[in-house]
Amino acid sequence: MSFSLDRLAVGCFQSYCYLIRNYNQVFLVDAGAEAVRILEWIGDRQVEYFVVTHGQGDQVGALDEVRAALSAPVVMHPEYAK
């Protein structure tokens, strides 16, 4: 299979964090909470990009901690990067 999408409900709001795999590329979308749990879920996969759909806390709450553990750039719409 060349494409897959997995989701994990995190945090008190149970917001979804997504792991998108396309061939050998892996993208983590909206690391909102529970960094340790997200990192365990990712396992040994090499994340190429962190994708942020918007800048609210339930989408970015665990991003700094996950980024510290995995070296990958963050991508988001420029309007949310302000």
N, C-alpha and C. Protein backbone atom coordinates (compact mmCIF):
# COMPACT_ATOMS: atom_id res chain seq x y z
N MET A 1 0.85 -1.19 0.00
CA MET A 1 0.00 0.00 0.00
C MET A 1 0.89 1.24 0.00
N SER A 2 0.58 2.20 -0.83
CA SER A 2 1.40 3.39 -0.93
C SER A 2 0.94 4.52 -0.02
N PHE A 3 -0.30 4.50 0.43
CA PHE A 3 -0.83 5.59 1.24
C PHE A 3 -1.61 5.02 2.42
N SER A 4 -1.38 5.59 3.59
CA SER A 4 -2.19 5.21 4.75
C SER A 4 -2.37 6.41 5.66
N LEU A 5 -3.43 6.38 6.42
CA LEU A 5 -3.76 7.44 7.35
C LEU A 5 -4.19 6.80 8.66
N ASP A 6 -3.49 7.15 9.72
CA ASP A 6 -3.84 6.67 11.06
C ASP A 6 -4.15 7.89 11.91
N ARG A 7 -5.01 7.72 12.91
CA ARG A 7 -5.32 8.84 13.79
C ARG A 7 -5.27 8.38 15.24
N LEU A 8 -4.95 9.34 16.09
CA LEU A 8 -4.83 9.09 17.51
C LEU A 8 -5.49 10.25 18.23
N ALA A 9 -6.48 9.97 19.07
CA ALA A 9 -7.15 11.00 19.86
C ALA A 9 -6.27 11.33 21.06
N VAL A 10 -5.95 12.62 21.23
CA VAL A 10 -5.05 13.05 22.31
C VAL A 10 -5.65 14.21 23.09
N GLY A 11 -5.23 14.31 24.33
CA GLY A 11 -5.59 15.44 25.17
C GLY A 11 -7.00 15.38 25.71
N CYS A 12 -7.32 16.36 26.56
CA CYS A 12 -8.64 16.38 27.20
C CYS A 12 -9.76 16.64 26.20
N PHE A 13 -9.45 17.26 25.07
CA PHE A 13 -10.46 17.49 24.04
C PHE A 13 -10.56 16.33 23.06
N GLN A 14 -9.68 15.35 23.20
CA GLN A 14 -9.62 14.20 22.30
C GLN A 14 -9.52 14.64 20.83
N SER A 15 -8.66 15.64 20.60
CA SER A 15 -8.39 16.10 19.23
C SER A 15 -7.55 15.05 18.53
N TYR A 16 -7.75 14.94 17.24
CA TYR A 16 -7.01 13.92 16.50
C TYR A 16 -5.65 14.43 16.03
N CYS A 17 -4.68 13.56 16.21
CA CYS A 17 -3.35 13.70 15.65
C CYS A 17 -3.30 12.66 14.54
N TYR A 18 -2.77 13.02 13.38
CA TYR A 18 -2.77 12.11 12.24
C TYR A 18 -1.35 11.74 11.84
N LEU A 19 -1.18 10.54 11.39
CA LEU A 19 0.07 10.07 10.82
C LEU A 19 -0.25 9.66 9.39
N ILE A 20 0.30 10.39 8.44
CA ILE A 20 0.06 10.11 7.03
C ILE A 20 1.33 9.51 6.44
N ARG A 21 1.17 8.37 5.81
CA ARG A 21 2.31 7.72 5.16
C ARG A 21 2.02 7.59 3.68
N ASN A 22 2.94 8.07 2.89
CA ASN A 22 2.84 8.01 1.44
C ASN A 22 4.17 7.46 0.92
N TYR A 23 4.16 6.23 0.46
CA TYR A 23 5.38 5.52 0.09
C TYR A 23 6.31 5.52 1.30
N ASN A 24 7.47 6.16 1.21
CA ASN A 24 8.38 6.16 2.36
C ASN A 24 8.37 7.49 3.10
N GLN A 25 7.43 8.39 2.80
CA GLN A 25 7.33 9.66 3.50
C GLN A 25 6.31 9.57 4.62
N VAL A 26 6.62 10.21 5.75
CA VAL A 26 5.72 10.22 6.90
C VAL A 26 5.51 11.66 7.34
N PHE A 27 4.26 12.03 7.53
CA PHE A 27 3.89 13.37 7.97
C PHE A 27 3.07 13.24 9.24
N LEU A 28 3.40 14.04 10.24
CA LEU A 28 2.62 14.06 11.48
C LEU A 28 1.81 15.35 11.48
N VAL A 29 0.50 15.22 11.62
CA VAL A 29 -0.40 16.36 11.55
C VAL A 29 -1.02 16.62 12.93
N ASP A 30 -0.89 17.85 13.41
CA ASP A 30 -1.54 18.34 14.63
C ASP A 30 -1.17 17.55 15.89
N ALA A 31 0.05 17.76 16.34
CA ALA A 31 0.52 17.16 17.59
C ALA A 31 0.00 17.98 18.76
N GLY A 32 -1.24 17.73 19.14
CA GLY A 32 -1.94 18.60 20.08
C GLY A 32 -1.67 18.39 21.55
N ALA A 33 -1.37 17.19 21.97
CA ALA A 33 -1.16 16.89 23.39
C ALA A 33 -0.53 15.51 23.52
N GLU A 34 -0.07 15.21 24.73
CA GLU A 34 0.45 13.89 25.05
C GLU A 34 1.65 13.50 24.18
N ALA A 35 2.70 14.30 24.26
CA ALA A 35 3.88 14.08 23.42
C ALA A 35 4.46 12.68 23.57
N VAL A 36 4.55 12.18 24.79
CA VAL A 36 5.13 10.85 25.00
C VAL A 36 4.29 9.80 24.28
N ARG A 37 3.00 9.91 24.39
CA ARG A 37 2.11 8.95 23.71
C ARG A 37 2.25 9.05 22.20
N ILE A 38 2.35 10.25 21.66
CA ILE A 38 2.54 10.44 20.22
C ILE A 38 3.86 9.82 19.77
N LEU A 39 4.92 10.05 20.52
CA LEU A 39 6.23 9.50 20.16
C LEU A 39 6.21 7.97 20.19
N GLU A 40 5.53 7.39 21.16
CA GLU A 40 5.40 5.92 21.19
C GLU A 40 4.62 5.43 19.98
N TRP A 41 3.60 6.15 19.61
CA TRP A 41 2.76 5.80 18.45
C TRP A 41 3.56 5.86 17.15
N ILE A 42 4.40 6.87 17.03
CA ILE A 42 5.24 7.01 15.83
C ILE A 42 6.26 5.88 15.75
N GLY A 43 6.77 5.50 16.88
CA GLY A 43 7.76 4.42 16.91
C GLY A 43 9.04 4.80 16.20
N ASP A 44 9.54 3.92 15.35
CA ASP A 44 10.81 4.18 14.67
C ASP A 44 10.63 4.81 13.28
N ARG A 45 9.43 5.24 12.97
CA ARG A 45 9.21 5.89 11.67
C ARG A 45 9.94 7.24 11.63
N GLN A 46 10.46 7.58 10.49
CA GLN A 46 11.16 8.85 10.29
C GLN A 46 10.18 9.89 9.77
N VAL A 47 9.82 10.85 10.60
CA VAL A 47 8.87 11.90 10.21
C VAL A 47 9.60 12.94 9.36
N GLU A 48 9.04 13.24 8.19
CA GLU A 48 9.66 14.23 7.30
C GLU A 48 9.18 15.64 7.58
N TYR A 49 7.91 15.78 7.95
CA TYR A 49 7.33 17.10 8.22
C TYR A 49 6.30 17.00 9.34
N PHE A 50 6.23 18.05 10.12
CA PHE A 50 5.13 18.26 11.05
C PHE A 50 4.19 19.25 10.37
N VAL A 51 2.95 18.89 10.26
CA VAL A 51 1.96 19.74 9.61
C VAL A 51 1.02 20.28 10.68
N VAL A 52 0.79 21.59 10.66
CA VAL A 52 -0.12 22.23 11.60
C VAL A 52 -1.28 22.80 10.79
N THR A 53 -2.50 22.35 11.11
CA THR A 53 -3.66 22.83 10.36
C THR A 53 -4.09 24.21 10.79
N HIS A 54 -3.92 24.51 12.07
CA HIS A 54 -4.13 25.86 12.60
C HIS A 54 -3.46 25.94 13.97
N GLY A 55 -3.28 27.13 14.47
CA GLY A 55 -2.42 27.33 15.62
C GLY A 55 -3.06 27.26 16.99
N GLN A 56 -4.23 26.70 17.14
CA GLN A 56 -4.84 26.59 18.46
C GLN A 56 -4.11 25.54 19.30
N GLY A 57 -4.22 25.68 20.61
CA GLY A 57 -3.50 24.80 21.53
C GLY A 57 -3.78 23.34 21.35
N ASP A 58 -5.01 22.99 20.98
CA ASP A 58 -5.33 21.56 20.82
C ASP A 58 -4.74 20.98 19.53
N GLN A 59 -4.07 21.81 18.73
CA GLN A 59 -3.37 21.33 17.54
C GLN A 59 -1.86 21.40 17.70
N VAL A 60 -1.36 22.23 18.61
CA VAL A 60 0.09 22.44 18.71
C VAL A 60 0.65 22.22 20.12
N GLY A 61 -0.16 21.80 21.07
CA GLY A 61 0.27 21.70 22.46
C GLY A 61 1.49 20.82 22.70
N ALA A 62 1.67 19.77 21.94
CA ALA A 62 2.80 18.86 22.13
C ALA A 62 3.87 19.04 21.06
N LEU A 63 3.69 20.00 20.19
CA LEU A 63 4.59 20.14 19.04
C LEU A 63 6.04 20.38 19.45
N ASP A 64 6.29 21.27 20.38
CA ASP A 64 7.68 21.56 20.77
C ASP A 64 8.38 20.32 21.31
N GLU A 65 7.68 19.57 22.15
CA GLU A 65 8.28 18.38 22.74
C GLU A 65 8.51 17.29 21.69
N VAL A 66 7.59 17.12 20.79
CA VAL A 66 7.75 16.12 19.73
C VAL A 66 8.86 16.55 18.77
N ARG A 67 8.91 17.84 18.46
CA ARG A 67 9.99 18.34 17.58
C ARG A 67 11.35 18.16 18.20
N ALA A 68 11.45 18.31 19.53
CA ALA A 68 12.73 18.14 20.21
C ALA A 68 13.24 16.70 20.07
N ALA A 69 12.31 15.75 20.02
CA ALA A 69 12.68 14.34 19.90
C ALA A 69 12.94 13.91 18.47
N LEU A 70 12.26 14.56 17.53
CA LEU A 70 12.36 14.20 16.11
C LEU A 70 12.71 15.45 15.31
N SER A 71 13.73 15.39 14.56
CA SER A 71 14.16 16.56 13.81
C SER A 71 13.45 16.60 12.45
N ALA A 72 12.50 17.51 12.34
CA ALA A 72 11.77 17.69 11.08
C ALA A 72 11.21 19.11 11.06
N PRO A 73 11.09 19.70 9.89
CA PRO A 73 10.52 21.04 9.80
C PRO A 73 9.01 21.05 10.00
N VAL A 74 8.51 22.20 10.40
CA VAL A 74 7.08 22.41 10.58
C VAL A 74 6.55 23.17 9.38
N VAL A 75 5.42 22.73 8.85
CA VAL A 75 4.77 23.46 7.76
C VAL A 75 3.36 23.85 8.21
N MET A 76 2.99 25.07 7.84
CA MET A 76 1.65 25.57 8.14
C MET A 76 1.35 26.71 7.19
N HIS A 77 0.11 27.05 7.07
CA HIS A 77 -0.28 28.17 6.23
C HIS A 77 0.33 29.43 6.83
N PRO A 78 0.87 30.33 5.98
CA PRO A 78 1.53 31.54 6.50
C PRO A 78 0.64 32.39 7.41
N GLU A 79 -0.66 32.37 7.20
CA GLU A 79 -1.56 33.16 8.03
C GLU A 79 -1.51 32.73 9.49
N TYR A 80 -1.26 31.46 9.75
CA TYR A 80 -1.21 30.95 11.12
C TYR A 80 0.17 31.08 11.74
N ALA A 81 1.17 31.41 10.95
CA ALA A 81 2.53 31.52 11.45
C ALA A 81 2.81 32.89 12.06
N LYS A 82 1.84 33.78 12.04
CA LYS A 82 2.05 35.14 12.58
C LYS A 82 2.11 35.15 14.07
